[in-house]
Each structure stands twice: as C-alpha cells, then as structure tokens.
Protein backbone atom coordinates (compact mmCIF):
# COMPACT_ATOMS: atom_id res chain seq x y z
CA MET A 1 -202.13 -53.21 9.63
CA VAL A 2 -200.20 -53.55 12.89
CA ARG A 3 -199.76 -50.25 14.66
CA CYS A 4 -196.88 -49.61 17.00
CA GLU A 5 -198.43 -48.06 20.11
CA SER A 6 -195.13 -46.59 21.33
CA CYS A 7 -194.63 -44.95 17.91
CA ALA A 8 -198.14 -43.54 18.00
CA ALA A 9 -197.53 -42.23 21.51
CA ARG A 10 -194.27 -40.59 20.43
CA HIS A 11 -196.02 -38.91 17.51
CA ARG A 12 -198.75 -37.59 19.84
CA VAL A 13 -196.06 -36.21 22.16
CA ALA A 14 -194.21 -34.63 19.24
CA GLU A 15 -197.40 -32.96 18.02
CA THR A 16 -198.14 -31.67 21.53
CA VAL A 17 -194.58 -30.31 21.83
CA ARG A 18 -194.94 -28.63 18.44
CA GLN A 19 -198.17 -26.96 19.57
CA VAL A 20 -196.57 -25.81 22.83
CA VAL A 21 -193.60 -24.32 20.94
CA VAL A 22 -195.92 -22.43 18.57
CA LEU A 23 -197.96 -21.16 21.54
CA ALA A 24 -194.83 -20.13 23.44
CA VAL A 25 -193.51 -18.16 20.47
CA ALA A 26 -196.89 -16.49 20.05
CA LEU A 27 -196.91 -15.52 23.72
CA LEU A 28 -193.36 -14.21 23.54
CA CYS A 29 -194.31 -12.05 20.57
CA THR A 30 -197.39 -10.60 22.26
CA GLY A 31 -195.48 -7.46 23.21
CA CYS A 32 -193.59 -7.15 19.93
CA SER A 33 -193.92 -3.86 18.11
CA SER A 34 -191.78 -4.59 15.12
CA THR A 35 -192.81 -4.79 11.48
CA GLU A 36 -190.12 -7.41 10.95
CA PRO A 37 -191.42 -10.81 9.83
CA THR A 38 -191.32 -13.46 12.53
CA THR A 39 -190.66 -17.06 11.52
CA THR A 40 -191.77 -19.97 13.66
CA SER A 41 -190.48 -23.39 12.69
CA SER A 42 -191.44 -26.79 13.95
CA PRO A 43 -190.70 -30.29 12.70
CA ASN A 44 -193.74 -30.29 10.40
CA THR A 45 -194.59 -26.67 9.72
CA SER A 46 -193.12 -23.27 9.14
CA THR A 47 -195.24 -20.19 9.65
CA MET A 48 -194.39 -16.63 8.79
CA SER A 49 -196.24 -13.67 10.20
CA SER A 50 -195.74 -9.97 10.49
CA THR A 51 -196.56 -7.94 13.55
CA SER A 52 -197.06 -4.22 13.56
CA SER A 53 -198.28 -1.99 16.34
CA SER A 54 -197.62 1.68 15.99
CA SER A 55 -199.68 2.50 19.11
CA ARG A 56 -197.33 0.64 21.45
CA PRO A 57 -193.91 1.96 22.46
CA SER A 58 -190.94 0.30 20.80
CA PRO A 59 -189.01 -2.24 22.90
CA ALA A 60 -186.13 0.21 23.19
CA THR A 61 -188.32 2.79 24.91
CA THR A 62 -190.30 0.53 27.20
CA SER A 63 -189.07 0.14 30.76
CA THR A 64 -190.58 -3.34 31.20
CA SER A 65 -188.45 -5.18 28.63
CA THR A 66 -186.31 -7.89 30.16
CA PRO A 67 -182.94 -8.57 28.56
CA GLN A 68 -182.04 -12.18 27.86
CA PRO A 69 -179.30 -13.66 30.06
CA GLY A 70 -175.82 -13.75 28.62
CA PRO A 71 -173.30 -16.55 28.21
CA PRO A 72 -172.12 -18.99 29.21
CA TYR A 73 -174.95 -21.06 27.76
CA ILE A 74 -173.21 -24.40 28.26
CA GLY A 75 -172.37 -25.79 31.69
CA THR A 76 -170.64 -29.15 31.52
CA LEU A 77 -169.40 -31.14 28.55
CA THR A 78 -168.50 -34.75 29.32
CA TRP A 79 -167.33 -37.47 26.94
CA ARG A 80 -168.42 -41.00 27.74
CA PRO A 81 -168.13 -44.30 25.88
CA GLY A 82 -171.34 -45.09 24.03
CA ARG A 83 -172.77 -48.01 22.09
CA HIS A 84 -171.11 -47.09 18.80
CA GLY A 85 -168.39 -44.65 19.81
CA HIS A 86 -168.20 -41.71 22.13
CA ASP A 87 -171.07 -39.54 23.31
CA LEU A 88 -170.76 -35.93 24.37
CA ILE A 89 -173.09 -35.20 27.27
CA VAL A 90 -174.05 -31.51 27.17
CA THR A 91 -175.57 -29.81 30.20
CA PRO A 92 -176.84 -26.32 29.41
CA THR A 93 -176.76 -23.56 32.03
CA GLY A 94 -179.91 -21.81 33.20
CA ALA A 95 -179.16 -19.07 30.67
CA GLY A 96 -178.77 -21.72 27.96
CA ARG A 97 -182.24 -23.00 28.72
CA ALA A 98 -183.78 -19.52 28.87
CA VAL A 99 -182.45 -17.68 25.81
CA LEU A 100 -184.04 -17.86 22.38
CA GLY A 101 -182.98 -17.16 18.83
CA GLN A 102 -180.55 -18.28 16.18
CA GLU A 103 -177.86 -15.87 17.36
CA LYS A 104 -177.90 -17.38 20.88
CA GLU A 105 -177.99 -20.91 19.44
CA ALA A 106 -174.92 -20.13 17.33
CA ALA A 107 -173.14 -18.66 20.35
CA ALA A 108 -173.96 -21.75 22.42
CA TRP A 109 -172.67 -24.09 19.69
CA ALA A 110 -169.51 -21.96 19.44
CA GLU A 111 -168.97 -22.58 23.17
CA VAL A 112 -169.24 -26.34 22.59
CA ALA A 113 -166.93 -26.29 19.55
CA ARG A 114 -164.35 -24.11 21.32
CA ARG A 115 -164.27 -26.29 24.44
CA GLU A 116 -164.52 -29.66 22.65
CA PRO A 117 -163.09 -29.34 19.11
CA ARG A 118 -163.73 -33.07 18.43
CA ALA A 119 -167.44 -32.29 18.59
CA ASP A 120 -167.30 -29.75 15.77
CA THR A 121 -168.91 -31.89 13.06
CA VAL A 122 -172.04 -31.37 10.98
CA SER A 123 -173.83 -34.29 12.62
CA MET A 124 -173.02 -33.18 16.18
CA GLN A 125 -174.01 -29.57 15.41
CA ARG A 126 -177.37 -30.68 14.01
CA GLN A 127 -178.05 -32.92 17.01
CA PHE A 128 -177.22 -29.94 19.23
CA ALA A 129 -179.49 -27.62 17.22
CA CYS A 130 -182.35 -30.11 17.49
CA HIS A 131 -181.97 -30.32 21.26
CA TRP A 132 -181.63 -26.52 21.54
CA ARG A 133 -184.82 -25.94 19.57
CA TYR A 134 -187.05 -28.84 20.60
CA ALA A 135 -185.70 -30.70 23.66
CA ARG A 136 -184.45 -27.97 25.96
CA SER A 137 -186.13 -29.39 29.02
CA LYS A 138 -184.06 -32.60 28.94
CA ALA A 139 -181.57 -32.65 31.82
CA THR A 140 -178.70 -33.43 29.45
CA TRP A 141 -178.36 -33.52 25.69
CA ASN A 142 -176.51 -36.58 24.38
CA LEU A 143 -174.67 -35.92 21.13
CA GLU A 144 -173.32 -39.07 19.52
CA THR A 145 -170.34 -39.14 17.19
CA TRP A 146 -171.60 -42.11 15.18
CA ARG A 147 -174.82 -40.47 14.00
CA MET A 148 -175.16 -39.64 10.31
CA ALA A 149 -175.05 -36.11 8.97
CA VAL A 150 -178.53 -35.75 7.45
CA PRO A 151 -180.67 -32.71 6.66
CA MET A 152 -182.06 -30.91 9.70
CA ASP A 153 -185.67 -31.94 9.01
CA GLN A 154 -184.59 -35.59 9.22
CA VAL A 155 -182.77 -34.96 12.50
CA VAL A 156 -185.92 -33.39 13.94
CA SER A 157 -188.24 -36.12 12.66
CA ALA A 158 -185.90 -38.68 14.29
CA TYR A 159 -186.30 -36.88 17.65
CA CYS A 160 -182.72 -35.57 17.42
CA ASN A 161 -181.36 -39.12 16.94
CA PRO A 162 -180.83 -39.73 13.20
CA GLY A 163 -179.85 -43.29 12.37
CA GLY A 164 -181.58 -44.99 15.28
CA PRO A 165 -182.65 -44.63 18.91
CA GLU A 166 -180.32 -43.66 21.76
C-alpha cells in the first residue's frame, strides 16, 4: 500500500490541533463553578462533562473574571477572483480571535452576512464556522463560493475546504 506522506503529516497535525483544542477548553473551564454541562467538540470526538464546585464563588461574584471582548469580530472582508469563482478573504479582529462560544460565532457570522450579503450561503457559513472553531490562528480565512454545502463534519474533515484543496 502506498502511503501519502503529506496526508499522514496533515492527519498528525489535525490530531495535534484537536488535542490542543481539548486542552485549551479544559484550561478555560478550570475556574468554572457551574453545574451546566460543557460540550467540547472536535473533528473526531465530542465529549460532554459536568463541572460543579460549590466551594468556589460563582463567576458573577468573583472579582478576577475577565469579560470577553465585544464586537466587531471581523476586520476586513475582501473579494478576490479565485480558481473557480470568487473568494471572500476574511480577516478577524483581535476580539474575533479571542472570543469563544457559539453565541460569539453567530454574531461574527452575522457581521459577515450583513456586510457581504453575497456570502450568506450555507457553504460559506460552514467554511467560516470551521475556520472560527479550528483555524483561528490563520492570518486570513478564505471562503470560496464554489465549495459544496456538505455536513459540518465533512467540512471539518476536509480542513475547512470541502470539495478539494485551496
């Protein structure tokens, strides 16, 4: 069997990124005092846990809690001709790279859709969500109009590029 070394390398990187994301979420939840279930998702796994700590003060009463930065979460949006159509180049702001959670993700996508209505498609939204969740450190996020609308797990397993490489 012939093994593609670049594919194997990409899979190792993806696994490392998944482990880092899980670790980061665990570290962020270290000070949590909620009994609410916490869900951590990655391309290959989904873990649900519950945290409870009645001996610690609630986040509302602690003076060390740091609020997340507010919008705008998206800096520049630039259309450019691509291989198969037009690409929307998204540059998140510092706040867009720092905030976490589905509510912030939805607010960030709403910024994109409001400023660039042509981008408001299922495929573009899923590419955006994949970058938001798993590729935040990239300088820019390239969303391509020609990409297929597929289930989110397929977008993630294709490294945010369903239907072929960039």
